[in-house]
Protein backbone atom coordinates (compact mmCIF):
# COMPACT_ATOMS: atom_id res chain seq x y z
CA MET A 1 0.00 0.00 0.00
CA ASN A 2 1.16 3.55 -0.54
CA ASP A 3 3.04 4.82 2.53
CA THR A 4 2.34 8.46 1.74
CA MET A 5 -1.15 9.73 2.41
CA THR A 6 -2.64 13.13 2.10
CA SER A 7 -4.02 14.66 5.27
CA GLY A 8 -7.60 14.04 4.08
CA GLU A 9 -6.93 10.35 3.50
CA ALA A 10 -5.26 10.01 6.89
CA ASP A 11 -8.22 11.69 8.60
CA ARG A 12 -10.68 9.40 6.80
CA VAL A 13 -8.71 6.27 7.74
CA GLU A 14 -8.39 7.34 11.38
CA ALA A 15 -12.06 8.34 11.62
CA VAL A 16 -13.32 4.81 10.94
CA GLU A 17 -13.21 2.52 13.96
CA PRO A 18 -11.59 -0.85 13.19
CA TYR A 19 -14.06 -3.71 12.70
CA SER A 20 -17.03 -1.32 12.60
CA PRO A 21 -19.58 -1.74 9.78
CA ALA A 22 -18.03 1.22 7.94
CA TRP A 23 -14.57 -0.32 8.31
CA TRP A 24 -15.77 -3.59 6.78
CA GLN A 25 -17.45 -1.78 3.90
CA ASN A 26 -14.18 0.00 3.09
CA ARG A 27 -12.30 -3.32 2.72
CA SER A 28 -11.65 -4.47 -0.81
CA THR A 29 -12.70 -7.90 -2.01
CA GLU A 30 -9.05 -8.97 -1.97
CA GLU A 31 -8.65 -7.87 1.65
CA LEU A 32 -11.76 -9.81 2.66
CA ARG A 33 -10.48 -12.90 0.82
CA ALA A 34 -7.16 -12.63 2.63
CA LEU A 35 -8.98 -12.48 5.98
CA LEU A 36 -11.11 -15.48 5.03
CA ASP A 37 -8.04 -17.42 3.90
CA ARG A 38 -6.59 -17.14 7.39
CA GLY A 39 -9.26 -19.57 8.46
CA PHE A 40 -12.01 -19.99 10.98
CA GLY A 41 -9.80 -19.36 14.00
CA SER A 42 -8.83 -15.82 13.00
CA ALA A 43 -10.40 -12.93 14.84
CA ALA A 44 -11.67 -11.21 11.71
CA PHE A 45 -13.09 -14.32 10.02
CA GLU A 46 -16.68 -13.77 11.20
CA GLY A 47 -16.65 -10.10 10.20
CA ALA A 48 -15.17 -10.86 6.79
CA THR A 49 -17.75 -13.61 6.29
CA ALA A 50 -20.60 -11.29 7.26
CA GLU A 51 -19.36 -8.53 4.93
CA THR A 52 -18.92 -10.98 2.06
CA GLU A 53 -22.46 -12.27 2.58
CA ARG A 54 -23.82 -8.70 2.79
CA ARG A 55 -22.16 -7.85 -0.52
CA ALA A 56 -23.52 -11.02 -2.11
CA ARG A 57 -27.07 -10.18 -0.93
CA GLU A 58 -26.64 -6.63 -2.24
CA ASP A 59 -25.51 -7.97 -5.63
CA LEU A 60 -28.45 -10.40 -5.78
CA ARG A 61 -30.85 -7.61 -4.88
CA ALA A 62 -29.40 -5.44 -7.67
CA GLN A 63 -29.73 -8.33 -10.14
CA ASP A 64 -33.32 -8.94 -9.06
CA ASP A 65 -34.13 -5.25 -9.47
CA ALA A 66 -32.57 -5.22 -12.93
CA ALA A 67 -34.51 -8.33 -13.95
CA GLU A 68 -37.74 -6.82 -12.62
CA THR A 69 -37.11 -3.61 -14.54
CA MET A 70 -36.41 -5.58 -17.72
CA ALA A 71 -39.62 -7.59 -17.27
CA GLU A 72 -41.63 -4.40 -16.79
CA GLN A 73 -40.10 -2.90 -19.94
CA LYS A 74 -40.91 -6.03 -21.97
CA LYS A 75 -44.47 -6.06 -20.63
CA SER A 76 -44.90 -2.41 -21.55
CA LEU A 77 -43.54 -3.02 -25.05
CA ARG A 78 -45.87 -6.00 -25.59
CA LEU A 79 -48.82 -3.91 -24.45
CA LYS A 80 -47.91 -1.10 -26.86
CA ILE A 81 -47.61 -3.60 -29.73
CA LEU A 82 -51.01 -5.09 -28.85
CA GLU A 83 -52.57 -1.63 -28.70
CA ALA A 84 -51.11 -0.77 -32.12
CA LEU A 85 -52.45 -4.02 -33.61
CA LEU A 86 -55.91 -3.45 -32.16
CA LEU A 87 -55.93 0.15 -33.39
CA GLY A 88 -54.87 -1.05 -36.86
CA CYS A 89 -57.67 -3.64 -36.88
CA LEU A 90 -60.20 -1.04 -35.77
CA ILE A 91 -59.11 1.38 -38.48
CA ALA A 92 -59.32 -1.41 -41.09
CA ILE A 93 -62.83 -2.36 -39.98
CA ILE A 94 -63.97 1.27 -40.04
CA ALA A 95 -62.42 1.76 -43.51
CA VAL A 96 -64.17 -1.35 -44.85
CA LEU A 97 -67.51 -0.22 -43.44
CA LEU A 98 -67.15 3.29 -44.84
CA LEU A 99 -66.12 2.13 -48.33
CA ARG A 100 -69.14 -0.15 -48.77
């Protein structure tokens, strides 16, 4: 890691209490993996596990939201296509009746 920090970075690092929720959220995926690789007996294993699971749930939630949005967009598109077809049929029927 870079040994030289600006004063703002040093303040931010010092302001976060170790092993607090904010501290865990600031850990990179690689740092969490390293903590998990130390094994079950390590002090930080449970915290790293909990943060990894939180991130996984957050990713799943984002994927579910994206899938739901996509489904709503497809439903809306299908409805617009159906409306256009029905309008076209109605116009054709009216034209046939008027031209008789």
